[in-house]
Amino acid sequence: MANRVQRPHEEAEFEFILARADVPVLAYFHGVWPKAAAACKEMDPLVREVADVYQGRLIVMRADIARCPGPVRRYGVTGAPSFVLIDRGEAIGAGSGPMSRTALGDFLDAHL
């Protein structure tokens, strides 16, 4: 399966992806400090899988907390990993911390 995860390198790219999205966006916020990096590394394969499974119904975006401070504040992200489901710029669901495949799938299915 191809990697369908968008990776904005800065806040402007994050906003560009949101503005052009015609389906909801799952923003997966990750961090590079040691404790967050370990948890995020654990989540990365699952996030790639979600991008493949929900292709066409969802855009998945992996955003670095340090590079996207505006969205972090706007969506109330307080740690990494964090997930925010965004539709037309508005958060329609959020979760924080590592999630199992089942928990993330249930979260998405409840909001899509």
C-alpha atoms as a PDB file:
ATOM      1  CA  MET A   1       0.000   0.000   0.000  1.00  0.00           C
ATOM      2  CA  ALA A   2       1.223   3.462  -0.808  1.00  0.00           C
ATOM      3  CA  ASN A   3       1.833   5.989   1.942  1.00  0.00           C
ATOM      4  CA  ARG A   4      -1.046   8.450   1.665  1.00  0.00           C
ATOM      5  CA  VAL A   5      -0.201  10.529   4.741  1.00  0.00           C
ATOM      6  CA  GLN A   6       0.248  14.256   4.075  1.00  0.00           C
ATOM      7  CA  ARG A   7       3.242  15.740   5.930  1.00  0.00           C
ATOM      8  CA  PRO A   8       3.131  19.523   6.122  1.00  0.00           C
ATOM      9  CA  HIS A   9       6.561  20.973   6.901  1.00  0.00           C
ATOM     10  CA  GLU A  10       5.175  24.242   8.207  1.00  0.00           C
ATOM     11  CA  GLU A  11       1.974  25.857   9.362  1.00  0.00           C
ATOM     12  CA  ALA A  12       1.157  27.360   5.939  1.00  0.00           C
ATOM     13  CA  GLU A  13       1.156  23.883   4.383  1.00  0.00           C
ATOM     14  CA  PHE A  14      -1.115  22.609   7.168  1.00  0.00           C
ATOM     15  CA  GLU A  15      -3.590  25.405   6.436  1.00  0.00           C
ATOM     16  CA  PHE A  16      -3.329  24.812   2.670  1.00  0.00           C
ATOM     17  CA  ILE A  17      -4.227  21.130   3.082  1.00  0.00           C
ATOM     18  CA  LEU A  18      -7.221  22.032   5.276  1.00  0.00           C
ATOM     19  CA  ALA A  19      -8.431  24.706   2.858  1.00  0.00           C
ATOM     20  CA  ARG A  20      -8.369  22.339  -0.125  1.00  0.00           C
ATOM     21  CA  ALA A  21      -9.864  19.320   1.646  1.00  0.00           C
ATOM     22  CA  ASP A  22     -13.181  18.093   0.283  1.00  0.00           C
ATOM     23  CA  VAL A  23     -13.407  15.379   2.951  1.00  0.00           C
ATOM     24  CA  PRO A  24     -12.654  15.484   6.689  1.00  0.00           C
ATOM     25  CA  VAL A  25      -8.995  15.650   7.745  1.00  0.00           C
ATOM     26  CA  LEU A  26      -7.481  13.561  10.516  1.00  0.00           C
ATOM     27  CA  ALA A  27      -4.666  15.705  11.898  1.00  0.00           C
ATOM     28  CA  TYR A  28      -2.219  13.472  13.738  1.00  0.00           C
ATOM     29  CA  PHE A  29       0.002  15.701  15.870  1.00  0.00           C
ATOM     30  CA  HIS A  30       3.361  14.213  16.773  1.00  0.00           C
ATOM     31  CA  GLY A  31       6.346  15.408  18.781  1.00  0.00           C
ATOM     32  CA  VAL A  32      10.075  14.780  18.773  1.00  0.00           C
ATOM     33  CA  TRP A  33      10.886  15.051  22.487  1.00  0.00           C
ATOM     34  CA  PRO A  34      11.895  11.604  23.861  1.00  0.00           C
ATOM     35  CA  LYS A  35       8.689  10.508  25.607  1.00  0.00           C
ATOM     36  CA  ALA A  36       6.448  11.690  22.752  1.00  0.00           C
ATOM     37  CA  ALA A  37       8.764  10.362  20.049  1.00  0.00           C
ATOM     38  CA  ALA A  38       8.504   6.808  21.364  1.00  0.00           C
ATOM     39  CA  ALA A  39       4.702   6.912  21.510  1.00  0.00           C
ATOM     40  CA  CYS A  40       4.467   8.550  18.082  1.00  0.00           C
ATOM     41  CA  LYS A  41       6.828   6.025  16.509  1.00  0.00           C
ATOM     42  CA  GLU A  42       4.460   3.357  17.781  1.00  0.00           C
ATOM     43  CA  MET A  43       1.486   5.109  16.140  1.00  0.00           C
ATOM     44  CA  ASP A  44       3.084   5.823  12.742  1.00  0.00           C
ATOM     45  CA  PRO A  45       2.298   2.419  11.132  1.00  0.00           C
ATOM     46  CA  LEU A  46      -1.303   2.618  12.301  1.00  0.00           C
ATOM     47  CA  VAL A  47      -1.678   6.143  10.927  1.00  0.00           C
ATOM     48  CA  ARG A  48      -0.377   4.966   7.530  1.00  0.00           C
ATOM     49  CA  GLU A  49      -2.838   2.065   7.628  1.00  0.00           C
ATOM     50  CA  VAL A  50      -5.730   4.431   8.429  1.00  0.00           C
ATOM     51  CA  ALA A  51      -4.769   6.591   5.438  1.00  0.00           C
ATOM     52  CA  ASP A  52      -5.044   3.544   3.182  1.00  0.00           C
ATOM     53  CA  VAL A  53      -8.222   2.094   4.696  1.00  0.00           C
ATOM     54  CA  TYR A  54     -10.106   5.420   4.698  1.00  0.00           C
ATOM     55  CA  GLN A  55      -8.786   6.630   1.337  1.00  0.00           C
ATOM     56  CA  GLY A  56     -11.404   8.764  -0.394  1.00  0.00           C
ATOM     57  CA  ARG A  57     -13.340   9.388   2.840  1.00  0.00           C
ATOM     58  CA  LEU A  58     -10.572  11.036   4.846  1.00  0.00           C
ATOM     59  CA  ILE A  59      -7.292  12.895   4.432  1.00  0.00           C
ATOM     60  CA  VAL A  60      -4.647  11.968   6.987  1.00  0.00           C
ATOM     61  CA  MET A  61      -2.086  14.598   7.918  1.00  0.00           C
ATOM     62  CA  ARG A  62       0.933  14.050  10.218  1.00  0.00           C
ATOM     63  CA  ALA A  63       1.860  17.422  11.727  1.00  0.00           C
ATOM     64  CA  ASP A  64       4.828  18.257  13.952  1.00  0.00           C
ATOM     65  CA  ILE A  65       3.624  20.145  17.032  1.00  0.00           C
ATOM     66  CA  ALA A  66       6.643  22.471  16.975  1.00  0.00           C
ATOM     67  CA  ARG A  67       6.127  23.425  13.319  1.00  0.00           C
ATOM     68  CA  CYS A  68       2.376  24.069  13.547  1.00  0.00           C
ATOM     69  CA  PRO A  69       1.831  26.142  16.709  1.00  0.00           C
ATOM     70  CA  GLY A  70      -1.289  27.917  15.405  1.00  0.00           C
ATOM     71  CA  PRO A  71      -3.282  24.726  14.751  1.00  0.00           C
ATOM     72  CA  VAL A  72      -1.983  23.270  18.026  1.00  0.00           C
ATOM     73  CA  ARG A  73      -3.503  26.225  19.907  1.00  0.00           C
ATOM     74  CA  ARG A  74      -6.660  26.409  17.801  1.00  0.00           C
ATOM     75  CA  TYR A  75      -7.507  22.727  18.264  1.00  0.00           C
ATOM     76  CA  GLY A  76      -6.418  22.495  21.910  1.00  0.00           C
ATOM     77  CA  VAL A  77      -3.621  19.982  21.396  1.00  0.00           C
ATOM     78  CA  THR A  78      -1.760  19.474  24.668  1.00  0.00           C
ATOM     79  CA  GLY A  79       0.466  16.486  23.974  1.00  0.00           C
ATOM     80  CA  ALA A  80       1.643  13.961  21.449  1.00  0.00           C
ATOM     81  CA  PRO A  81       0.382  11.868  19.933  1.00  0.00           C
ATOM     82  CA  SER A  82      -2.924  13.658  19.515  1.00  0.00           C
ATOM     83  CA  PHE A  83      -5.623  13.241  16.902  1.00  0.00           C
ATOM     84  CA  VAL A  84      -8.056  15.908  15.755  1.00  0.00           C
ATOM     85  CA  LEU A  85     -10.720  15.162  13.164  1.00  0.00           C
ATOM     86  CA  ILE A  86     -11.395  18.383  11.262  1.00  0.00           C
ATOM     87  CA  ASP A  87     -14.255  19.092   8.861  1.00  0.00           C
ATOM     88  CA  ARG A  88     -14.385  22.466   7.093  1.00  0.00           C
ATOM     89  CA  GLY A  89     -11.935  23.914   9.608  1.00  0.00           C
ATOM     90  CA  GLU A  90     -13.899  22.835  12.680  1.00  0.00           C
ATOM     91  CA  ALA A  91     -12.853  20.051  15.042  1.00  0.00           C
ATOM     92  CA  ILE A  92     -15.532  17.365  15.088  1.00  0.00           C
ATOM     93  CA  GLY A  93     -13.636  14.950  17.320  1.00  0.00           C
ATOM     94  CA  ALA A  94     -10.358  14.702  19.212  1.00  0.00           C
ATOM     95  CA  GLY A  95      -8.299  12.164  21.106  1.00  0.00           C
ATOM     96  CA  SER A  96      -4.993  12.237  22.912  1.00  0.00           C
ATOM     97  CA  GLY A  97      -2.401   9.575  23.574  1.00  0.00           C
ATOM     98  CA  PRO A  98      -1.613   6.320  21.813  1.00  0.00           C
ATOM     99  CA  MET A  99      -4.661   4.448  20.476  1.00  0.00           C
ATOM    100  CA  SER A 100      -5.138   0.860  19.462  1.00  0.00           C
ATOM    101  CA  ARG A 101      -6.213   0.016  15.917  1.00  0.00           C
ATOM    102  CA  THR A 102      -9.707  -0.724  17.235  1.00  0.00           C
ATOM    103  CA  ALA A 103      -9.955   2.495  19.270  1.00  0.00           C
ATOM    104  CA  LEU A 104      -8.818   4.686  16.374  1.00  0.00           C
ATOM    105  CA  GLY A 105     -11.183   2.918  13.967  1.00  0.00           C
ATOM    106  CA  ASP A 106     -14.096   3.310  16.387  1.00  0.00           C
ATOM    107  CA  PHE A 107     -13.222   6.997  16.867  1.00  0.00           C
ATOM    108  CA  LEU A 108     -13.241   7.603  13.100  1.00  0.00           C
ATOM    109  CA  ASP A 109     -16.364   5.553  12.436  1.00  0.00           C
ATOM    110  CA  ALA A 110     -18.246   7.475  15.139  1.00  0.00           C
ATOM    111  CA  HIS A 111     -17.459  10.804  13.466  1.00  0.00           C
ATOM    112  CA  LEU A 112     -17.462  10.058   9.732  1.00  0.00           C
END
